[in-house]
Protein backbone atom coordinates (compact mmCIF):
# COMPACT_ATOMS: atom_id res chain seq x y z
CA UNK A 1 77.87 10.20 68.43
CA UNK A 2 74.61 8.70 69.55
CA UNK A 3 73.50 12.11 70.87
CA UNK A 4 74.19 13.75 67.50
CA UNK A 5 72.15 11.11 65.74
CA UNK A 6 69.34 11.41 68.25
CA UNK A 7 69.27 15.23 68.14
CA UNK A 8 69.31 15.23 64.35
CA UNK A 9 66.22 13.01 64.39
CA UNK A 10 64.40 15.19 66.93
CA UNK A 11 65.37 18.72 65.82
CA UNK A 12 66.17 20.03 62.36
CA UNK A 13 69.61 21.61 61.91
CA UNK A 14 68.26 25.18 61.91
CA UNK A 15 66.50 24.63 65.24
CA UNK A 16 69.59 23.07 66.79
CA UNK A 17 71.68 26.14 65.91
CA UNK A 18 69.00 28.44 67.31
CA UNK A 19 68.75 26.39 70.51
CA UNK A 20 72.52 26.17 70.97
CA UNK A 21 72.91 29.93 70.48
CA UNK A 22 70.23 30.71 73.05
CA UNK A 23 71.53 28.12 75.52
CA UNK A 24 74.97 29.76 75.26
CA UNK A 25 73.39 33.14 76.02
CA UNK A 26 71.58 31.73 79.05
CA UNK A 27 74.73 29.98 80.27
CA UNK A 28 76.76 33.21 79.88
CA UNK A 29 74.08 35.21 81.71
CA UNK A 30 74.09 32.82 84.68
CA UNK A 31 77.91 32.76 84.78
CA UNK A 32 78.08 36.58 84.71
CA UNK A 33 75.40 36.88 87.39
CA UNK A 34 77.29 34.52 89.69
CA UNK A 35 80.51 36.48 89.13
CA UNK A 36 78.72 39.72 90.02
CA UNK A 37 77.43 38.17 93.26
CA UNK A 38 81.06 37.78 94.34
CA UNK A 39 81.48 41.57 94.04
CA UNK A 40 78.47 42.38 96.22
CA UNK A 41 79.24 43.94 99.60
CA UNK A 42 76.82 42.09 101.87
CA UNK A 43 75.68 43.85 105.07
CA UNK A 44 76.73 42.57 108.46
CA UNK A 45 74.14 40.99 110.73
CA UNK A 46 73.99 44.18 112.83
CA UNK A 47 73.41 46.34 109.74
CA UNK A 48 70.72 44.00 108.41
CA UNK A 49 68.85 44.00 111.74
CA UNK A 50 69.11 47.80 112.05
CA UNK A 51 67.96 48.45 108.49
CA UNK A 52 65.10 45.95 108.86
CA UNK A 53 63.98 47.80 111.99
CA UNK A 54 64.01 51.07 110.07
CA UNK A 55 61.86 49.54 107.32
CA UNK A 56 59.37 48.09 109.82
CA UNK A 57 59.19 51.45 111.61
CA UNK A 58 58.62 53.33 108.37
CA UNK A 59 55.89 50.89 107.30
CA UNK A 60 54.17 51.22 110.70
CA UNK A 61 54.31 55.03 110.54
CA UNK A 62 53.01 55.05 106.96
CA UNK A 63 50.20 52.71 107.94
CA UNK A 64 49.20 54.98 110.82
CA UNK A 65 49.22 58.09 108.62
CA UNK A 66 47.24 56.48 105.80
CA UNK A 67 44.82 54.95 108.31
CA UNK A 68 44.24 58.35 109.93
CA UNK A 69 43.70 60.02 106.54
CA UNK A 70 41.32 57.25 105.48
CA UNK A 71 39.37 57.53 108.74
CA UNK A 72 39.19 61.32 108.43
CA UNK A 73 38.01 61.18 104.83
CA UNK A 74 35.39 58.53 105.59
CA UNK A 75 34.07 60.69 108.45
CA UNK A 76 33.95 63.71 106.14
CA UNK A 77 32.06 61.77 103.46
CA UNK A 78 29.64 60.42 106.07
CA UNK A 79 29.04 63.95 107.36
CA UNK A 80 28.47 65.30 103.84
CA UNK A 81 26.05 62.49 102.99
CA UNK A 82 24.10 63.03 106.20
CA UNK A 83 23.56 66.72 105.28
CA UNK A 84 21.65 65.89 102.09
């Protein structure tokens, strides 16, 4: 009862209804998200390590390709600027 009296002094009735409605939505969202996490098929340790290696390899290859293209283009621009 003390909480009702205190909340009525702090928030008007219209704000309390608005706040309660939104808190219910947030609470439902978190509950639903936690339930969905129970349905997730998590990878095994071996799968996680293998897939992480694939990602690191792809990033390294992409870095090498973009670095080579960048170097080639910078050399081409330098050559073109030296001709003028």
